[in-house]
Amino acid sequence: MRLRLARAADRDRIDEIVTSAYAPYIPLIGHAPAPMRADYGALIAAGVVHLPDEAGPSAALMVLLPRPDHLLLDNIAVHADAQGRGLGRALLGAAENMARRAGLPEIRL
């Protein structure tokens, strides 16, 4: 899977993906999960939000935070309409490839 960094213009779609992916958990845990409270504007500006490089609106995202000895997988979100198609698994594979290319021995959650 080819990825691209999110841009400011992607912000509304990112909010849609995150809301769709995590809203079902609100009744279960009694509050919005942490990914719904994240500052995606700051994360986009920091260059850590990755989207599938595809035609049309993205259906998933991944937030990867580089650390000196590992890559921190902060969030993977797949829009509810696209769940079950293997996007999350493909994003995990892309994260593994990115860690390997960066010479990092592991990904942590």
N, C-alpha and C. Protein backbone atom coordinates (compact mmCIF):
# COMPACT_ATOMS: atom_id res chain seq x y z
N MET A 1 0.85 -1.18 0.00
CA MET A 1 0.00 0.00 0.00
C MET A 1 0.89 1.24 0.00
N ARG A 2 0.60 2.12 -0.94
CA ARG A 2 1.31 3.41 -0.99
C ARG A 2 0.61 4.40 -0.07
N LEU A 3 1.40 5.15 0.67
CA LEU A 3 0.86 6.15 1.58
C LEU A 3 1.33 7.53 1.19
N ARG A 4 0.60 8.52 1.66
CA ARG A 4 1.03 9.90 1.53
C ARG A 4 0.76 10.59 2.86
N LEU A 5 1.51 11.65 3.10
CA LEU A 5 1.26 12.43 4.29
C LEU A 5 -0.02 13.25 4.13
N ALA A 6 -0.77 13.35 5.19
CA ALA A 6 -1.98 14.16 5.16
C ALA A 6 -1.62 15.63 5.03
N ARG A 7 -2.51 16.36 4.39
CA ARG A 7 -2.36 17.81 4.21
C ARG A 7 -3.51 18.50 4.95
N ALA A 8 -3.36 19.78 5.16
CA ALA A 8 -4.41 20.55 5.85
C ALA A 8 -5.75 20.36 5.16
N ALA A 9 -5.76 20.24 3.85
CA ALA A 9 -7.01 20.07 3.10
C ALA A 9 -7.70 18.73 3.41
N ASP A 10 -6.99 17.80 4.02
CA ASP A 10 -7.55 16.49 4.37
C ASP A 10 -8.25 16.50 5.72
N ARG A 11 -8.16 17.58 6.44
CA ARG A 11 -8.62 17.63 7.83
C ARG A 11 -10.08 17.20 8.00
N ASP A 12 -10.98 17.71 7.18
CA ASP A 12 -12.39 17.34 7.33
C ASP A 12 -12.60 15.85 7.12
N ARG A 13 -11.94 15.29 6.12
CA ARG A 13 -12.08 13.85 5.87
C ARG A 13 -11.48 13.04 7.02
N ILE A 14 -10.38 13.50 7.57
CA ILE A 14 -9.77 12.82 8.72
C ILE A 14 -10.75 12.80 9.88
N ASP A 15 -11.39 13.93 10.13
CA ASP A 15 -12.39 13.98 11.21
C ASP A 15 -13.53 13.01 10.94
N GLU A 16 -13.96 12.89 9.68
CA GLU A 16 -15.03 11.95 9.33
C GLU A 16 -14.60 10.51 9.58
N ILE A 17 -13.39 10.17 9.18
CA ILE A 17 -12.88 8.81 9.37
C ILE A 17 -12.81 8.47 10.85
N VAL A 18 -12.22 9.36 11.63
CA VAL A 18 -12.06 9.12 13.07
C VAL A 18 -13.42 9.00 13.75
N THR A 19 -14.33 9.90 13.44
CA THR A 19 -15.65 9.86 14.05
C THR A 19 -16.37 8.56 13.69
N SER A 20 -16.34 8.19 12.43
CA SER A 20 -17.01 6.97 11.99
C SER A 20 -16.40 5.73 12.66
N ALA A 21 -15.09 5.70 12.78
CA ALA A 21 -14.40 4.53 13.34
C ALA A 21 -14.60 4.40 14.84
N TYR A 22 -14.63 5.51 15.56
CA TYR A 22 -14.60 5.44 17.02
C TYR A 22 -15.92 5.77 17.72
N ALA A 23 -16.86 6.42 17.06
CA ALA A 23 -18.13 6.79 17.72
C ALA A 23 -18.86 5.60 18.32
N PRO A 24 -18.83 4.41 17.71
CA PRO A 24 -19.54 3.28 18.32
C PRO A 24 -19.04 2.91 19.71
N TYR A 25 -17.84 3.34 20.08
CA TYR A 25 -17.28 2.99 21.38
C TYR A 25 -17.73 3.93 22.49
N ILE A 26 -18.29 5.07 22.14
CA ILE A 26 -18.70 6.04 23.17
C ILE A 26 -19.70 5.43 24.15
N PRO A 27 -20.75 4.77 23.69
CA PRO A 27 -21.69 4.19 24.66
C PRO A 27 -21.05 3.08 25.52
N LEU A 28 -20.07 2.42 24.98
CA LEU A 28 -19.43 1.32 25.71
C LEU A 28 -18.51 1.80 26.82
N ILE A 29 -17.78 2.91 26.56
CA ILE A 29 -16.82 3.37 27.56
C ILE A 29 -17.26 4.66 28.26
N GLY A 30 -18.33 5.27 27.79
CA GLY A 30 -18.89 6.43 28.47
C GLY A 30 -18.28 7.76 28.09
N HIS A 31 -17.37 7.78 27.14
CA HIS A 31 -16.76 9.04 26.68
C HIS A 31 -16.10 8.80 25.34
N ALA A 32 -15.71 9.89 24.70
CA ALA A 32 -15.03 9.78 23.41
C ALA A 32 -13.65 9.16 23.60
N PRO A 33 -13.31 8.16 22.81
CA PRO A 33 -11.97 7.57 22.90
C PRO A 33 -10.89 8.61 22.56
N ALA A 34 -9.70 8.39 23.04
CA ALA A 34 -8.59 9.33 22.85
C ALA A 34 -8.39 9.74 21.39
N PRO A 35 -8.48 8.83 20.42
CA PRO A 35 -8.29 9.28 19.03
C PRO A 35 -9.29 10.33 18.58
N MET A 36 -10.47 10.37 19.19
CA MET A 36 -11.46 11.37 18.82
C MET A 36 -11.13 12.73 19.43
N ARG A 37 -10.27 12.74 20.42
CA ARG A 37 -9.90 14.00 21.09
C ARG A 37 -8.54 14.53 20.62
N ALA A 38 -7.89 13.82 19.74
CA ALA A 38 -6.56 14.22 19.27
C ALA A 38 -6.64 15.51 18.45
N ASP A 39 -5.55 16.25 18.45
CA ASP A 39 -5.45 17.49 17.67
C ASP A 39 -4.88 17.14 16.29
N TYR A 40 -5.77 16.81 15.37
CA TYR A 40 -5.32 16.38 14.05
C TYR A 40 -4.67 17.51 13.25
N GLY A 41 -5.04 18.74 13.52
CA GLY A 41 -4.35 19.86 12.87
C GLY A 41 -2.87 19.85 13.22
N ALA A 42 -2.56 19.68 14.50
CA ALA A 42 -1.16 19.63 14.94
C ALA A 42 -0.46 18.37 14.42
N LEU A 43 -1.17 17.25 14.42
CA LEU A 43 -0.56 16.01 13.92
C LEU A 43 -0.27 16.09 12.43
N ILE A 44 -1.18 16.71 11.67
CA ILE A 44 -0.93 16.91 10.24
C ILE A 44 0.28 17.80 10.04
N ALA A 45 0.32 18.90 10.79
CA ALA A 45 1.45 19.84 10.67
C ALA A 45 2.77 19.17 11.04
N ALA A 46 2.73 18.23 11.96
CA ALA A 46 3.94 17.52 12.38
C ALA A 46 4.36 16.45 11.37
N GLY A 47 3.51 16.17 10.39
CA GLY A 47 3.86 15.18 9.36
C GLY A 47 3.81 13.75 9.84
N VAL A 48 2.85 13.44 10.71
CA VAL A 48 2.77 12.08 11.25
C VAL A 48 1.46 11.37 10.92
N VAL A 49 0.58 12.02 10.15
CA VAL A 49 -0.68 11.40 9.74
C VAL A 49 -0.51 10.91 8.30
N HIS A 50 -0.74 9.63 8.10
CA HIS A 50 -0.56 8.99 6.80
C HIS A 50 -1.91 8.51 6.29
N LEU A 51 -2.12 8.72 4.99
CA LEU A 51 -3.35 8.29 4.32
C LEU A 51 -2.98 7.39 3.14
N PRO A 52 -3.84 6.44 2.80
CA PRO A 52 -3.60 5.69 1.57
C PRO A 52 -3.56 6.66 0.39
N ASP A 53 -2.61 6.45 -0.48
CA ASP A 53 -2.48 7.29 -1.67
C ASP A 53 -3.36 6.68 -2.75
N GLU A 54 -4.59 7.14 -2.80
CA GLU A 54 -5.57 6.55 -3.71
C GLU A 54 -6.41 7.66 -4.32
N ALA A 55 -7.06 7.34 -5.39
CA ALA A 55 -7.98 8.30 -6.01
C ALA A 55 -9.23 8.40 -5.14
N GLY A 56 -9.80 9.55 -5.08
CA GLY A 56 -11.01 9.75 -4.28
C GLY A 56 -10.70 9.96 -2.83
N PRO A 57 -11.74 10.10 -2.02
CA PRO A 57 -11.53 10.36 -0.60
C PRO A 57 -10.94 9.15 0.12
N SER A 58 -10.05 9.41 1.03
CA SER A 58 -9.43 8.34 1.81
C SER A 58 -10.46 7.69 2.71
N ALA A 59 -10.27 6.42 2.98
CA ALA A 59 -11.17 5.68 3.85
C ALA A 59 -10.49 5.28 5.15
N ALA A 60 -9.20 5.59 5.29
CA ALA A 60 -8.47 5.17 6.47
C ALA A 60 -7.31 6.12 6.72
N LEU A 61 -6.76 6.03 7.92
CA LEU A 61 -5.59 6.84 8.26
C LEU A 61 -4.75 6.09 9.29
N MET A 62 -3.54 6.55 9.42
CA MET A 62 -2.62 5.99 10.40
C MET A 62 -1.77 7.13 10.95
N VAL A 63 -1.60 7.15 12.26
CA VAL A 63 -0.73 8.12 12.91
C VAL A 63 0.49 7.37 13.44
N LEU A 64 1.66 7.72 12.91
CA LEU A 64 2.91 7.08 13.31
C LEU A 64 3.83 8.12 13.92
N LEU A 65 4.31 7.84 15.12
CA LEU A 65 5.20 8.77 15.82
C LEU A 65 6.58 8.15 15.91
N PRO A 66 7.56 8.70 15.20
CA PRO A 66 8.91 8.13 15.25
C PRO A 66 9.55 8.37 16.62
N ARG A 67 10.18 7.35 17.13
CA ARG A 67 10.95 7.41 18.37
C ARG A 67 12.36 6.94 18.05
N PRO A 68 13.33 7.24 18.90
CA PRO A 68 14.71 6.86 18.57
C PRO A 68 14.91 5.36 18.34
N ASP A 69 14.18 4.52 19.08
CA ASP A 69 14.42 3.08 18.97
C ASP A 69 13.22 2.28 18.48
N HIS A 70 12.15 2.98 18.08
CA HIS A 70 10.97 2.27 17.57
C HIS A 70 10.05 3.26 16.86
N LEU A 71 9.03 2.72 16.24
CA LEU A 71 7.99 3.53 15.61
C LEU A 71 6.72 3.30 16.43
N LEU A 72 6.14 4.37 16.95
CA LEU A 72 4.94 4.26 17.77
C LEU A 72 3.71 4.38 16.87
N LEU A 73 2.93 3.33 16.83
CA LEU A 73 1.68 3.33 16.08
C LEU A 73 0.61 3.90 17.02
N ASP A 74 0.33 5.18 16.86
CA ASP A 74 -0.57 5.88 17.75
C ASP A 74 -2.03 5.61 17.41
N ASN A 75 -2.33 5.44 16.13
CA ASN A 75 -3.73 5.28 15.74
C ASN A 75 -3.82 4.71 14.32
N ILE A 76 -4.72 3.77 14.17
CA ILE A 76 -5.19 3.35 12.85
C ILE A 76 -6.71 3.47 12.91
N ALA A 77 -7.28 4.15 11.96
CA ALA A 77 -8.73 4.30 11.90
C ALA A 77 -9.20 4.01 10.48
N VAL A 78 -10.25 3.22 10.38
CA VAL A 78 -10.86 2.90 9.10
C VAL A 78 -12.33 3.32 9.18
N HIS A 79 -12.76 4.10 8.20
CA HIS A 79 -14.16 4.54 8.15
C HIS A 79 -15.06 3.31 8.20
N ALA A 80 -16.17 3.41 8.92
CA ALA A 80 -17.08 2.27 9.08
C ALA A 80 -17.53 1.70 7.74
N ASP A 81 -17.70 2.55 6.75
CA ASP A 81 -18.14 2.07 5.43
C ASP A 81 -17.09 1.22 4.72
N ALA A 82 -15.84 1.30 5.16
CA ALA A 82 -14.76 0.58 4.49
C ALA A 82 -14.17 -0.53 5.35
N GLN A 83 -14.73 -0.75 6.53
CA GLN A 83 -14.19 -1.79 7.40
C GLN A 83 -14.46 -3.17 6.81
N GLY A 84 -13.55 -4.09 7.09
CA GLY A 84 -13.69 -5.45 6.60
C GLY A 84 -13.07 -5.68 5.23
N ARG A 85 -12.42 -4.68 4.69
CA ARG A 85 -11.79 -4.81 3.36
C ARG A 85 -10.28 -5.01 3.42
N GLY A 86 -9.73 -5.08 4.62
CA GLY A 86 -8.29 -5.29 4.76
C GLY A 86 -7.46 -4.02 4.82
N LEU A 87 -8.11 -2.86 4.92
CA LEU A 87 -7.34 -1.61 4.97
C LEU A 87 -6.47 -1.51 6.22
N GLY A 88 -7.00 -1.90 7.36
CA GLY A 88 -6.21 -1.85 8.59
C GLY A 88 -4.98 -2.74 8.50
N ARG A 89 -5.16 -3.93 7.98
CA ARG A 89 -4.05 -4.87 7.81
C ARG A 89 -3.01 -4.29 6.83
N ALA A 90 -3.48 -3.68 5.75
CA ALA A 90 -2.56 -3.07 4.78
C ALA A 90 -1.80 -1.91 5.41
N LEU A 91 -2.47 -1.12 6.24
CA LEU A 91 -1.78 -0.03 6.92
C LEU A 91 -0.72 -0.56 7.88
N LEU A 92 -1.04 -1.63 8.59
CA LEU A 92 -0.03 -2.24 9.48
C LEU A 92 1.19 -2.70 8.69
N GLY A 93 0.95 -3.32 7.55
CA GLY A 93 2.06 -3.75 6.70
C GLY A 93 2.89 -2.57 6.24
N ALA A 94 2.24 -1.48 5.89
CA ALA A 94 2.96 -0.27 5.47
C ALA A 94 3.78 0.28 6.62
N ALA A 95 3.23 0.25 7.83
CA ALA A 95 3.97 0.73 9.00
C ALA A 95 5.21 -0.14 9.24
N GLU A 96 5.06 -1.44 9.08
CA GLU A 96 6.21 -2.34 9.24
C GLU A 96 7.30 -2.01 8.22
N ASN A 97 6.90 -1.77 6.99
CA ASN A 97 7.87 -1.40 5.95
C ASN A 97 8.55 -0.08 6.27
N MET A 98 7.80 0.89 6.77
CA MET A 98 8.38 2.19 7.12
C MET A 98 9.40 2.04 8.25
N ALA A 99 9.07 1.24 9.25
CA ALA A 99 10.00 1.02 10.36
C ALA A 99 11.28 0.34 9.85
N ARG A 100 11.11 -0.64 9.01
CA ARG A 100 12.27 -1.36 8.45
C ARG A 100 13.16 -0.42 7.67
N ARG A 101 12.54 0.43 6.80
CA ARG A 101 13.33 1.38 6.01
C ARG A 101 14.05 2.40 6.87
N ALA A 102 13.47 2.73 8.02
CA ALA A 102 14.08 3.70 8.92
C ALA A 102 15.10 3.04 9.85
N GLY A 103 15.28 1.72 9.71
CA GLY A 103 16.24 1.01 10.55
C GLY A 103 15.76 0.82 11.98
N LEU A 104 14.46 0.90 12.19
CA LEU A 104 13.90 0.73 13.54
C LEU A 104 13.50 -0.74 13.72
N PRO A 105 13.86 -1.33 14.85
CA PRO A 105 13.63 -2.76 15.02
C PRO A 105 12.21 -3.17 15.35
N GLU A 106 11.36 -2.20 15.73
CA GLU A 106 10.02 -2.62 16.13
C GLU A 106 9.01 -1.47 16.03
N ILE A 107 7.75 -1.89 16.03
CA ILE A 107 6.62 -0.96 16.13
C ILE A 107 5.97 -1.23 17.47
N ARG A 108 5.64 -0.16 18.16
CA ARG A 108 4.94 -0.31 19.44
C ARG A 108 3.58 0.37 19.34
N LEU A 109 2.64 -0.13 20.15
CA LEU A 109 1.30 0.43 20.20
C LEU A 109 1.17 1.34 21.40
